[in-house]
Amino acid sequence: MFRDPRLVLAIFTVAVVWGTTFLGIRIAVESIPPWFVAGIRQFIAAALLLIILLFSKELKWIGWKNLWIQIMFSILMLIVANGMMTVAEKHISSSLASLISAASPLLIFLGSIFFGLQKFTYRALAGIIMGFTGIVLIFKDGLEDLLNPDYRMGVLFSFIAISGWALGSIFTKKLHLQKQNISLNLFYQFAFSAVIQIGFGFMLSDRIDVASWTFRSMAATVYLAVFGSVAAYFAFHFALKKISPTQISLLSYVNTIIAIFLGWLVLNEEISAAFITATVLIICGVFITNYQKGMFRRK
């Protein structure tokens, strides 16, 4: 795995950049309505990919069948997963959002069993129970917070987001889409999601006052587009050509640790002993569930 410098760079990009996006989203939604953050992010990403495709002369029609497939992935992984997580971070901390997101490999594993992509094992059951215990622990001392409708909706949106990501990851694995033109497929996905999410922004935002959007929030949105969308999604799909989805899912550990650290460092988000314990339980649970002998060998 580590003999290919491009693969190492792709893994590093996914691990680090997606860890910073939770902080980026939290800063972006400080003054910009969440659906506009998500939509503008994908619009900028689509525009950048369009320029790249035009320059490399790779822009082309992908056919109706592939278009519907890309729309499906756009709905699951961008509109539902990315969009709902962006809305969620309007109501909960970036640390909590990242910790809930760390449980997504558990859903991927369960979904893979359901679709016949993986076999059930008792070790996996132990990992799922451990991860679920960590999730329960998150809310054990914060039951009063769940009485807050904004907080409760933020948590609900987070779980909807990771469900969309899990389904999208499973279908990527099942359909072997990582073998196709990454940039071209992502362009169609970003373009479709941008139109839908900006539309949601106009329909669902209570107040649209562009003059109140701060430079800090706009800079965070641009960062999310260039690095969180274009660079990280391209690296994610490139890595899938070289290593398995199971190996990729393990990067969620690094994402979570980076997100929690940055939330504490930049936004002064509180990190309790119970929160740290929950983090350890979820990470260990995900590792136990997904661990396979020889999984760190290159495919």
Protein backbone atom coordinates (compact mmCIF):
# COMPACT_ATOMS: atom_id res chain seq x y z
CA MET A 1 0.00 0.00 0.00
CA PHE A 2 2.69 2.46 1.04
CA ARG A 3 4.86 1.93 -2.05
CA ASP A 4 2.46 4.02 -4.18
CA PRO A 5 2.97 7.72 -3.32
CA ARG A 6 -0.31 8.66 -5.06
CA LEU A 7 -2.24 6.22 -2.89
CA VAL A 8 -0.52 7.52 0.24
CA LEU A 9 -1.45 11.09 -0.75
CA ALA A 10 -5.07 10.04 -1.43
CA ILE A 11 -5.37 8.31 1.97
CA PHE A 12 -3.79 11.29 3.73
CA THR A 13 -6.18 13.68 1.95
CA VAL A 14 -9.29 11.68 2.90
CA ALA A 15 -8.14 11.22 6.50
CA VAL A 16 -7.13 14.81 7.20
CA VAL A 17 -9.37 16.92 4.96
CA TRP A 18 -12.64 15.20 5.87
CA GLY A 19 -11.64 15.58 9.51
CA THR A 20 -11.50 19.35 9.03
CA THR A 21 -14.81 19.60 7.16
CA PHE A 22 -16.89 19.26 10.35
CA LEU A 23 -15.24 22.44 11.65
CA GLY A 24 -15.63 24.07 8.24
CA ILE A 25 -19.36 23.33 8.13
CA ARG A 26 -19.89 24.62 11.65
CA ILE A 27 -18.17 27.91 10.76
CA ALA A 28 -19.99 28.20 7.42
CA VAL A 29 -23.47 27.85 8.95
CA GLU A 30 -22.74 30.58 11.50
CA SER A 31 -24.11 33.16 9.07
CA ILE A 32 -25.13 31.27 5.91
CA PRO A 33 -28.29 29.08 5.86
CA PRO A 34 -27.24 25.39 5.81
CA TRP A 35 -28.79 24.43 2.46
CA PHE A 36 -27.08 27.40 0.80
CA VAL A 37 -23.76 26.28 2.32
CA ALA A 38 -24.23 22.78 0.89
CA GLY A 39 -25.50 24.03 -2.47
CA ILE A 40 -22.84 26.71 -3.01
CA ARG A 41 -20.19 24.20 -1.95
CA GLN A 42 -21.29 21.72 -4.61
CA PHE A 43 -21.78 24.48 -7.22
CA ILE A 44 -18.17 25.65 -6.81
CA ALA A 45 -16.98 22.02 -6.89
CA ALA A 46 -18.94 21.37 -10.10
CA ALA A 47 -17.52 24.53 -11.70
CA LEU A 48 -13.95 23.52 -10.83
CA LEU A 49 -14.46 20.03 -12.26
CA LEU A 50 -16.05 21.52 -15.40
CA ILE A 51 -12.90 23.57 -15.99
CA ILE A 52 -10.71 20.50 -15.43
CA LEU A 53 -12.81 18.36 -17.79
CA LEU A 54 -12.84 21.02 -20.49
CA PHE A 55 -9.09 21.54 -20.21
CA SER A 56 -8.42 17.78 -20.41
CA LYS A 57 -11.07 17.35 -23.14
CA GLU A 58 -12.85 14.67 -21.09
CA LEU A 59 -16.24 16.37 -20.78
CA LYS A 60 -18.87 14.20 -22.47
CA TRP A 61 -22.40 12.87 -22.17
CA ILE A 62 -22.44 9.77 -19.98
CA GLY A 63 -25.71 8.28 -21.23
CA TRP A 64 -29.10 8.14 -19.56
CA LYS A 65 -28.41 4.91 -17.66
CA ASN A 66 -25.23 6.21 -16.05
CA LEU A 67 -26.84 9.60 -15.47
CA TRP A 68 -29.59 8.03 -13.34
CA ILE A 69 -26.94 6.12 -11.40
CA GLN A 70 -25.01 9.35 -10.72
CA ILE A 71 -28.24 11.08 -9.67
CA MET A 72 -28.89 8.25 -7.21
CA PHE A 73 -25.43 8.66 -5.71
CA SER A 74 -25.80 12.43 -5.68
CA ILE A 75 -29.03 12.09 -3.70
CA LEU A 76 -27.56 9.61 -1.19
CA MET A 77 -24.04 10.93 -0.66
CA LEU A 78 -24.38 14.65 -1.36
CA ILE A 79 -27.97 15.77 -0.83
CA VAL A 80 -28.83 13.40 2.04
CA ALA A 81 -25.42 12.68 3.63
CA ASN A 82 -23.63 15.99 3.08
CA GLY A 83 -26.72 18.20 3.05
CA MET A 84 -28.36 16.79 6.16
CA MET A 85 -25.08 16.84 8.09
CA THR A 86 -24.70 20.51 7.15
CA VAL A 87 -28.22 21.21 8.46
CA ALA A 88 -27.44 19.16 11.59
CA GLU A 89 -24.41 21.29 12.44
CA LYS A 90 -26.63 24.33 12.68
CA HIS A 91 -28.02 22.73 15.85
CA ILE A 92 -25.21 20.56 17.30
CA SER A 93 -21.47 20.89 17.78
CA SER A 94 -18.97 19.79 15.14
CA SER A 95 -17.53 17.33 17.67
CA LEU A 96 -20.86 15.58 18.23
CA ALA A 97 -21.58 15.53 14.48
CA SER A 98 -18.20 13.91 13.79
CA LEU A 99 -18.70 11.34 16.55
CA ILE A 100 -22.10 10.31 15.20
CA SER A 101 -20.56 10.16 11.73
CA ALA A 102 -17.90 7.77 13.05
CA ALA A 103 -20.64 5.18 13.49
CA SER A 104 -21.32 5.06 9.73
CA PRO A 105 -19.03 2.05 9.12
CA LEU A 106 -21.28 0.06 11.46
CA LEU A 107 -24.25 0.87 9.21
CA ILE A 108 -22.15 0.03 6.15
CA PHE A 109 -21.34 -3.37 7.64
CA LEU A 110 -24.97 -4.12 8.51
CA GLY A 111 -26.09 -2.98 5.07
CA SER A 112 -23.40 -5.12 3.42
CA ILE A 113 -24.76 -8.16 5.27
CA PHE A 114 -28.30 -7.30 4.17
CA PHE A 115 -27.25 -6.99 0.51
CA GLY A 116 -25.13 -10.14 0.68
CA LEU A 117 -21.78 -8.39 0.35
CA GLN A 118 -20.41 -9.60 3.69
CA LYS A 119 -21.05 -12.49 6.08
CA PHE A 120 -22.24 -12.14 9.65
CA THR A 121 -19.77 -13.03 12.42
CA TYR A 122 -20.01 -12.98 16.20
CA ARG A 123 -16.92 -10.76 16.31
CA ALA A 124 -18.80 -8.27 14.19
CA LEU A 125 -21.79 -8.50 16.55
CA ALA A 126 -19.47 -7.69 19.48
CA GLY A 127 -18.14 -4.66 17.61
CA ILE A 128 -21.65 -3.45 16.78
CA ILE A 129 -22.70 -3.76 20.42
CA MET A 130 -19.59 -1.87 21.53
CA GLY A 131 -20.21 0.90 19.01
CA PHE A 132 -23.88 1.14 19.97
CA THR A 133 -22.86 1.39 23.63
CA GLY A 134 -20.69 4.37 22.71
CA ILE A 135 -23.63 6.03 20.96
CA VAL A 136 -25.87 5.48 24.00
CA LEU A 137 -23.16 6.92 26.25
CA ILE A 138 -23.09 10.12 24.18
CA PHE A 139 -26.66 10.91 25.20
CA LYS A 140 -26.68 9.30 28.67
CA ASP A 141 -25.65 12.49 30.44
CA GLY A 142 -27.39 14.77 27.98
CA LEU A 143 -30.98 13.60 28.13
CA GLU A 144 -32.04 17.14 29.00
CA ASP A 145 -30.48 18.32 25.74
CA LEU A 146 -32.77 15.93 23.85
CA LEU A 147 -35.73 17.92 25.21
CA ASN A 148 -34.45 20.84 23.14
CA PRO A 149 -36.20 20.45 19.75
CA ASP A 150 -33.31 22.08 17.86
CA TYR A 151 -30.76 19.73 19.42
CA ARG A 152 -33.04 16.73 18.88
CA MET A 153 -33.51 17.60 15.20
CA GLY A 154 -29.76 18.07 14.81
CA VAL A 155 -29.15 14.56 16.13
CA LEU A 156 -31.89 13.13 13.91
CA PHE A 157 -30.47 14.87 10.82
CA SER A 158 -27.02 13.45 11.66
CA PHE A 159 -28.31 9.89 11.71
CA ILE A 160 -30.19 10.45 8.45
CA ALA A 161 -26.93 11.77 6.97
CA ILE A 162 -24.85 8.74 7.93
CA SER A 163 -27.61 6.43 6.67
CA GLY A 164 -27.40 8.10 3.26
CA TRP A 165 -23.62 7.81 3.28
CA ALA A 166 -23.80 4.12 4.22
CA LEU A 167 -26.22 3.31 1.38
CA GLY A 168 -24.13 5.27 -1.11
CA SER A 169 -20.95 3.45 -0.03
CA ILE A 170 -22.65 0.06 -0.31
CA PHE A 171 -23.96 0.77 -3.81
CA THR A 172 -20.53 2.08 -4.88
CA LYS A 173 -19.06 -1.23 -3.77
CA LYS A 174 -21.85 -3.30 -5.33
CA LEU A 175 -21.82 -1.56 -8.72
CA HIS A 176 -18.00 -1.18 -8.93
CA LEU A 177 -18.36 2.49 -9.92
CA GLN A 178 -14.84 3.28 -8.73
CA LYS A 179 -13.62 1.83 -12.06
CA GLN A 180 -15.29 4.62 -14.06
CA ASN A 181 -14.09 8.16 -14.85
CA ILE A 182 -14.00 9.73 -11.39
CA SER A 183 -13.95 13.40 -12.41
CA LEU A 184 -16.76 13.02 -14.94
CA ASN A 185 -19.07 11.18 -12.56
CA LEU A 186 -18.37 13.64 -9.75
CA PHE A 187 -19.11 16.58 -12.04
CA TYR A 188 -22.61 15.26 -12.74
CA GLN A 189 -23.14 14.44 -9.05
CA PHE A 190 -22.00 17.88 -7.86
CA ALA A 191 -23.99 19.73 -10.53
CA PHE A 192 -27.23 17.90 -9.75
CA SER A 193 -26.87 18.28 -5.97
CA ALA A 194 -26.01 21.99 -6.31
CA VAL A 195 -29.28 22.71 -8.14
CA ILE A 196 -31.36 20.75 -5.64
CA GLN A 197 -29.65 22.09 -2.51
CA ILE A 198 -29.73 25.73 -3.62
CA GLY A 199 -33.41 25.18 -4.41
CA PHE A 200 -33.89 23.87 -0.87
CA GLY A 201 -32.07 26.96 0.37
CA PHE A 202 -34.62 29.28 -1.22
CA MET A 203 -37.57 27.16 -0.09
CA LEU A 204 -36.52 26.32 3.48
CA SER A 205 -34.45 29.27 4.72
CA ASP A 206 -36.32 31.54 7.12
CA ARG A 207 -34.42 34.61 5.98
CA ILE A 208 -32.11 35.20 3.03
CA ASP A 209 -29.85 38.15 3.73
CA VAL A 210 -26.65 37.82 1.73
CA ALA A 211 -25.32 41.05 3.26
CA SER A 212 -25.18 39.29 6.64
CA TRP A 213 -22.99 36.46 5.34
CA THR A 214 -19.58 36.93 6.94
CA PHE A 215 -16.23 36.56 5.20
CA ARG A 216 -15.39 33.83 7.73
CA SER A 217 -18.42 31.75 6.70
CA MET A 218 -17.89 32.35 2.98
CA ALA A 219 -14.20 31.37 3.25
CA ALA A 220 -15.22 28.18 5.06
CA THR A 221 -17.70 27.38 2.26
CA VAL A 222 -15.01 27.84 -0.40
CA TYR A 223 -12.67 25.60 1.62
CA LEU A 224 -15.39 22.94 1.80
CA ALA A 225 -15.84 23.12 -1.99
CA VAL A 226 -12.19 23.02 -3.03
CA PHE A 227 -10.83 20.61 -0.43
CA GLY A 228 -13.84 18.91 1.18
CA SER A 229 -15.57 18.18 -2.13
CA VAL A 230 -13.20 18.18 -5.12
CA ALA A 231 -9.92 17.06 -3.49
CA ALA A 232 -11.31 14.69 -0.86
CA TYR A 233 -14.01 13.04 -3.01
CA PHE A 234 -11.53 12.51 -5.85
CA ALA A 235 -9.00 11.04 -3.39
CA PHE A 236 -11.72 8.83 -1.90
CA HIS A 237 -12.66 7.34 -5.27
CA PHE A 238 -9.01 7.03 -6.34
CA ALA A 239 -8.20 5.11 -3.15
CA LEU A 240 -11.13 2.76 -3.82
CA LYS A 241 -9.32 1.70 -7.00
CA LYS A 242 -6.37 0.52 -4.93
CA ILE A 243 -7.74 -0.68 -1.58
CA SER A 244 -11.01 -2.03 -0.23
CA PRO A 245 -13.98 -0.03 1.11
CA THR A 246 -13.34 -1.66 4.50
CA GLN A 247 -9.87 -0.16 4.63
CA ILE A 248 -11.21 3.23 3.58
CA SER A 249 -13.87 3.13 6.32
CA LEU A 250 -11.13 2.93 8.95
CA LEU A 251 -10.14 6.50 8.08
CA SER A 252 -13.27 7.63 9.94
CA TYR A 253 -11.22 7.17 13.13
CA VAL A 254 -8.78 9.85 12.02
CA ASN A 255 -11.61 12.09 10.78
CA THR A 256 -13.29 11.96 14.19
CA ILE A 257 -10.14 12.60 16.21
CA ILE A 258 -9.18 15.58 14.04
CA ALA A 259 -12.73 17.00 14.12
CA ILE A 260 -13.02 16.72 17.90
CA PHE A 261 -9.59 18.29 18.43
CA LEU A 262 -10.32 21.20 16.06
CA GLY A 263 -13.76 21.77 17.61
CA TRP A 264 -12.10 22.09 21.01
CA LEU A 265 -9.17 24.20 19.74
CA VAL A 266 -11.02 26.65 17.45
CA LEU A 267 -14.60 26.74 18.76
CA ASN A 268 -13.98 25.89 22.43
CA GLU A 269 -16.39 22.94 22.24
CA GLU A 270 -16.57 20.99 25.49
CA ILE A 271 -15.07 17.49 25.59
CA SER A 272 -16.13 15.52 28.68
CA ALA A 273 -14.73 12.24 30.00
CA ALA A 274 -17.94 10.49 28.88
CA PHE A 275 -17.50 11.96 25.39
CA ILE A 276 -13.93 10.63 25.18
CA THR A 277 -15.08 7.21 26.44
CA ALA A 278 -17.85 7.16 23.81
CA THR A 279 -15.30 8.03 21.13
CA VAL A 280 -13.05 5.13 22.16
CA LEU A 281 -15.98 2.69 22.26
CA ILE A 282 -17.26 3.68 18.81
CA ILE A 283 -13.80 3.59 17.22
CA CYS A 284 -13.00 0.21 18.79
CA GLY A 285 -16.44 -1.10 17.83
CA VAL A 286 -16.00 -0.04 14.21
CA PHE A 287 -12.51 -1.57 14.06
CA ILE A 288 -13.64 -4.90 15.54
CA THR A 289 -16.61 -5.02 13.16
CA ASN A 290 -14.60 -4.29 10.02
CA TYR A 291 -11.28 -5.95 10.81
CA GLN A 292 -10.27 -8.72 8.42
CA LYS A 293 -7.04 -10.69 8.30
CA GLY A 294 -4.74 -9.19 5.70
CA MET A 295 -6.93 -6.10 5.27
CA PHE A 296 -3.91 -3.79 5.23
CA ARG A 297 -2.44 -5.46 2.19
CA ARG A 298 -2.84 -3.75 -1.15
CA LYS A 299 -5.48 -5.27 -3.43
